């Protein structure tokens, strides 16, 4: 809580200093490209640069997020498959403890199939990654 209050105090202080510096600034930026002349106030130019930087930064973060989306979806599917296999294995153990051998065998076979499919998918993924590395 103290860190957050200190952070807000620092931000307010920085904002006050920026406003004081910007109010005394009478500079301008002049861009000359024959036959045109464009003149901006220095304060407007600084605001434009900061907003442009933030825009590019968040666009790049969005691209990074979108590039990681398939991998995160794959890992989510894999974790769901492993959870389902663990539940099936626990169900099989409970059935075995109750003496229902047929249900225990079916549940453990289902758990084995789920785990086996996860390992097979990992193997296929590593082979594809190796192929992409060779093709590059």
C-alpha atoms as a PDB file:
ATOM      1  CA  UNK A   1       0.000   0.000   0.000  1.00  0.00           C
ATOM      2  CA  UNK A   2       2.867   2.364   0.812  1.00  0.00           C
ATOM      3  CA  UNK A   3       4.502   1.597  -2.511  1.00  0.00           C
ATOM      4  CA  UNK A   4       1.294   2.449  -4.383  1.00  0.00           C
ATOM      5  CA  UNK A   5       0.855   5.721  -2.481  1.00  0.00           C
ATOM      6  CA  UNK A   6       4.473   6.624  -3.148  1.00  0.00           C
ATOM      7  CA  UNK A   7       4.002   5.831  -6.836  1.00  0.00           C
ATOM      8  CA  UNK A   8       0.913   8.071  -7.090  1.00  0.00           C
ATOM      9  CA  UNK A   9       2.724  10.868  -5.263  1.00  0.00           C
ATOM     10  CA  UNK A  10       5.645  10.565  -7.690  1.00  0.00           C
ATOM     11  CA  UNK A  11       3.293  10.647 -10.698  1.00  0.00           C
ATOM     12  CA  UNK A  12       1.485  13.763  -9.432  1.00  0.00           C
ATOM     13  CA  UNK A  13       4.820  15.470  -8.776  1.00  0.00           C
ATOM     14  CA  UNK A  14       6.062  14.560 -12.264  1.00  0.00           C
ATOM     15  CA  UNK A  15       2.832  15.871 -13.777  1.00  0.00           C
ATOM     16  CA  UNK A  16       3.172  19.197 -11.925  1.00  0.00           C
ATOM     17  CA  UNK A  17       6.794  19.574 -13.093  1.00  0.00           C
ATOM     18  CA  UNK A  18       5.808  18.783 -16.702  1.00  0.00           C
ATOM     19  CA  UNK A  19       2.985  21.334 -16.614  1.00  0.00           C
ATOM     20  CA  UNK A  20       5.306  24.002 -15.207  1.00  0.00           C
ATOM     21  CA  UNK A  21       7.935  23.328 -17.861  1.00  0.00           C
ATOM     22  CA  UNK A  22       5.377  23.207 -20.665  1.00  0.00           C
ATOM     23  CA  UNK A  23       3.706  26.473 -19.641  1.00  0.00           C
ATOM     24  CA  UNK A  24       6.989  28.400 -19.977  1.00  0.00           C
ATOM     25  CA  UNK A  25       7.916  26.828 -23.309  1.00  0.00           C
ATOM     26  CA  UNK A  26       7.535  29.090 -26.341  1.00  0.00           C
ATOM     27  CA  UNK A  27       9.540  26.932 -28.746  1.00  0.00           C
ATOM     28  CA  UNK A  28       8.299  25.505 -31.998  1.00  0.00           C
ATOM     29  CA  UNK A  29       9.230  22.892 -34.565  1.00  0.00           C
ATOM     30  CA  UNK A  30       9.493  23.999 -38.189  1.00  0.00           C
ATOM     31  CA  UNK A  31       9.458  21.396 -40.929  1.00  0.00           C
ATOM     32  CA  UNK A  32      10.273  22.765 -44.372  1.00  0.00           C
ATOM     33  CA  UNK A  33       9.675  20.635 -47.432  1.00  0.00           C
ATOM     34  CA  UNK A  34       9.520  22.814 -50.495  1.00  0.00           C
ATOM     35  CA  UNK A  35       6.920  24.272 -51.261  1.00  0.00           C
ATOM     36  CA  UNK A  36       5.344  23.463 -47.856  1.00  0.00           C
ATOM     37  CA  UNK A  37       6.125  24.705 -44.341  1.00  0.00           C
ATOM     38  CA  UNK A  38       4.655  23.071 -41.268  1.00  0.00           C
ATOM     39  CA  UNK A  39       5.024  24.648 -37.856  1.00  0.00           C
ATOM     40  CA  UNK A  40       4.150  22.926 -34.568  1.00  0.00           C
ATOM     41  CA  UNK A  41       4.471  24.090 -31.030  1.00  0.00           C
ATOM     42  CA  UNK A  42       7.138  22.163 -29.158  1.00  0.00           C
ATOM     43  CA  UNK A  43       4.612  21.046 -26.537  1.00  0.00           C
ATOM     44  CA  UNK A  44       2.339  19.588 -29.227  1.00  0.00           C
ATOM     45  CA  UNK A  45       5.312  17.810 -30.780  1.00  0.00           C
ATOM     46  CA  UNK A  46       6.298  16.263 -27.430  1.00  0.00           C
ATOM     47  CA  UNK A  47       2.745  15.070 -26.820  1.00  0.00           C
ATOM     48  CA  UNK A  48       2.622  13.663 -30.362  1.00  0.00           C
ATOM     49  CA  UNK A  49       5.891  11.771 -29.851  1.00  0.00           C
ATOM     50  CA  UNK A  50       4.738  10.273 -26.533  1.00  0.00           C
ATOM     51  CA  UNK A  51       1.359   9.217 -27.927  1.00  0.00           C
ATOM     52  CA  UNK A  52       3.027   7.747 -31.034  1.00  0.00           C
ATOM     53  CA  UNK A  53       5.439   5.776 -28.863  1.00  0.00           C
ATOM     54  CA  UNK A  54       2.599   4.396 -26.743  1.00  0.00           C
ATOM     55  CA  UNK A  55       0.593   3.507 -29.862  1.00  0.00           C
ATOM     56  CA  UNK A  56       3.499   1.605 -31.423  1.00  0.00           C
ATOM     57  CA  UNK A  57       4.292  -0.072 -28.100  1.00  0.00           C
ATOM     58  CA  UNK A  58       0.756  -1.408 -27.628  1.00  0.00           C
ATOM     59  CA  UNK A  59       0.489  -2.447 -31.289  1.00  0.00           C
ATOM     60  CA  UNK A  60       3.664  -4.510 -30.881  1.00  0.00           C
ATOM     61  CA  UNK A  61       2.327  -6.036 -27.669  1.00  0.00           C
ATOM     62  CA  UNK A  62      -0.849  -6.997 -29.529  1.00  0.00           C
ATOM     63  CA  UNK A  63       1.183  -8.633 -32.306  1.00  0.00           C
ATOM     64  CA  UNK A  64       3.247 -10.504 -29.693  1.00  0.00           C
ATOM     65  CA  UNK A  65       0.050 -11.701 -27.971  1.00  0.00           C
ATOM     66  CA  UNK A  66      -1.460 -12.849 -31.267  1.00  0.00           C
ATOM     67  CA  UNK A  67       1.720 -14.733 -32.210  1.00  0.00           C
ATOM     68  CA  UNK A  68       1.707 -16.601 -28.883  1.00  0.00           C
ATOM     69  CA  UNK A  69      -2.005 -17.440 -29.067  1.00  0.00           C
ATOM     70  CA  UNK A  70      -1.706 -20.818 -30.874  1.00  0.00           C
ATOM     71  CA  UNK A  71       0.948 -22.071 -28.442  1.00  0.00           C
ATOM     72  CA  UNK A  72      -1.082 -21.043 -25.414  1.00  0.00           C
ATOM     73  CA  UNK A  73      -4.157 -22.729 -26.902  1.00  0.00           C
ATOM     74  CA  UNK A  74      -2.159 -25.929 -27.443  1.00  0.00           C
ATOM     75  CA  UNK A  75      -0.853 -25.887 -23.885  1.00  0.00           C
ATOM     76  CA  UNK A  76      -4.364 -25.288 -22.550  1.00  0.00           C
ATOM     77  CA  UNK A  77      -5.697 -28.268 -24.510  1.00  0.00           C
ATOM     78  CA  UNK A  78      -2.831 -30.406 -23.254  1.00  0.00           C
ATOM     79  CA  UNK A  79      -3.425 -29.426 -19.644  1.00  0.00           C
ATOM     80  CA  UNK A  80      -7.153 -30.156 -20.025  1.00  0.00           C
ATOM     81  CA  UNK A  81      -6.340 -33.571 -21.495  1.00  0.00           C
ATOM     82  CA  UNK A  82      -3.972 -34.349 -18.621  1.00  0.00           C
ATOM     83  CA  UNK A  83      -6.566 -33.250 -16.067  1.00  0.00           C
ATOM     84  CA  UNK A  84      -9.131 -35.499 -17.714  1.00  0.00           C
ATOM     85  CA  UNK A  85      -6.669 -38.404 -17.633  1.00  0.00           C
ATOM     86  CA  UNK A  86      -5.964 -37.779 -13.936  1.00  0.00           C
ATOM     87  CA  UNK A  87      -9.703 -37.743 -13.198  1.00  0.00           C
ATOM     88  CA  UNK A  88     -10.148 -40.996 -15.131  1.00  0.00           C
ATOM     89  CA  UNK A  89      -7.253 -42.565 -13.235  1.00  0.00           C
ATOM     90  CA  UNK A  90      -8.718 -41.499  -9.888  1.00  0.00           C
ATOM     91  CA  UNK A  91     -12.094 -42.864 -10.963  1.00  0.00           C
ATOM     92  CA  UNK A  92     -10.392 -46.142 -11.810  1.00  0.00           C
ATOM     93  CA  UNK A  93      -8.678 -46.261  -8.427  1.00  0.00           C
ATOM     94  CA  UNK A  94     -11.978 -45.619  -6.642  1.00  0.00           C
ATOM     95  CA  UNK A  95     -13.667 -48.342  -8.686  1.00  0.00           C
ATOM     96  CA  UNK A  96     -10.798 -50.711  -7.885  1.00  0.00           C
ATOM     97  CA  UNK A  97     -11.123 -49.933  -4.179  1.00  0.00           C
ATOM     98  CA  UNK A  98     -14.873 -50.623  -4.419  1.00  0.00           C
ATOM     99  CA  UNK A  99     -14.203 -53.933  -6.139  1.00  0.00           C
ATOM    100  CA  UNK A 100     -15.677 -53.009  -9.537  1.00  0.00           C
ATOM    101  CA  UNK A 101     -12.888 -54.376 -11.720  1.00  0.00           C
ATOM    102  CA  UNK A 102     -14.634 -53.811 -15.054  1.00  0.00           C
ATOM    103  CA  UNK A 103     -15.208 -50.111 -14.409  1.00  0.00           C
ATOM    104  CA  UNK A 104     -11.670 -49.754 -13.011  1.00  0.00           C
ATOM    105  CA  UNK A 105     -10.197 -51.330 -16.140  1.00  0.00           C
ATOM    106  CA  UNK A 106     -12.283 -49.086 -18.432  1.00  0.00           C
ATOM    107  CA  UNK A 107     -11.306 -45.929 -16.518  1.00  0.00           C
ATOM    108  CA  UNK A 108      -7.598 -46.775 -16.525  1.00  0.00           C
ATOM    109  CA  UNK A 109      -7.751 -47.602 -20.251  1.00  0.00           C
ATOM    110  CA  UNK A 110      -9.368 -44.193 -20.859  1.00  0.00           C
ATOM    111  CA  UNK A 111      -6.645 -42.502 -18.755  1.00  0.00           C
ATOM    112  CA  UNK A 112      -3.940 -44.390 -20.642  1.00  0.00           C
ATOM    113  CA  UNK A 113      -5.421 -43.369 -24.000  1.00  0.00           C
ATOM    114  CA  UNK A 114      -5.583 -39.712 -22.947  1.00  0.00           C
ATOM    115  CA  UNK A 115      -1.965 -39.701 -21.744  1.00  0.00           C
ATOM    116  CA  UNK A 116      -0.807 -41.602 -24.816  1.00  0.00           C
ATOM    117  CA  UNK A 117      -2.522 -39.088 -27.143  1.00  0.00           C
ATOM    118  CA  UNK A 118      -0.856 -36.183 -25.301  1.00  0.00           C
ATOM    119  CA  UNK A 119       2.590 -37.740 -25.743  1.00  0.00           C
ATOM    120  CA  UNK A 120       1.860 -38.493 -29.394  1.00  0.00           C
ATOM    121  CA  UNK A 121       0.819 -34.881 -30.012  1.00  0.00           C
ATOM    122  CA  UNK A 122       4.036 -33.643 -28.341  1.00  0.00           C
ATOM    123  CA  UNK A 123       6.078 -35.952 -30.554  1.00  0.00           C
ATOM    124  CA  UNK A 124       4.332 -34.703 -33.708  1.00  0.00           C
ATOM    125  CA  UNK A 125       4.866 -31.101 -32.616  1.00  0.00           C
ATOM    126  CA  UNK A 126       8.604 -31.601 -32.042  1.00  0.00           C
ATOM    127  CA  UNK A 127       8.963 -33.286 -35.448  1.00  0.00           C
ATOM    128  CA  UNK A 128       7.183 -30.346 -37.113  1.00  0.00           C
ATOM    129  CA  UNK A 129       9.437 -27.879 -35.292  1.00  0.00           C
ATOM    130  CA  UNK A 130      12.513 -29.775 -36.462  1.00  0.00           C
ATOM    131  CA  UNK A 131      11.230 -29.725 -40.051  1.00  0.00           C
ATOM    132  CA  UNK A 132      10.671 -25.960 -39.845  1.00  0.00           C
ATOM    133  CA  UNK A 133      14.199 -25.537 -38.503  1.00  0.00           C
ATOM    134  CA  UNK A 134      15.632 -27.484 -41.431  1.00  0.00           C
ATOM    135  CA  UNK A 135      13.557 -25.559 -43.988  1.00  0.00           C
ATOM    136  CA  UNK A 136      14.619 -22.177 -42.616  1.00  0.00           C
END
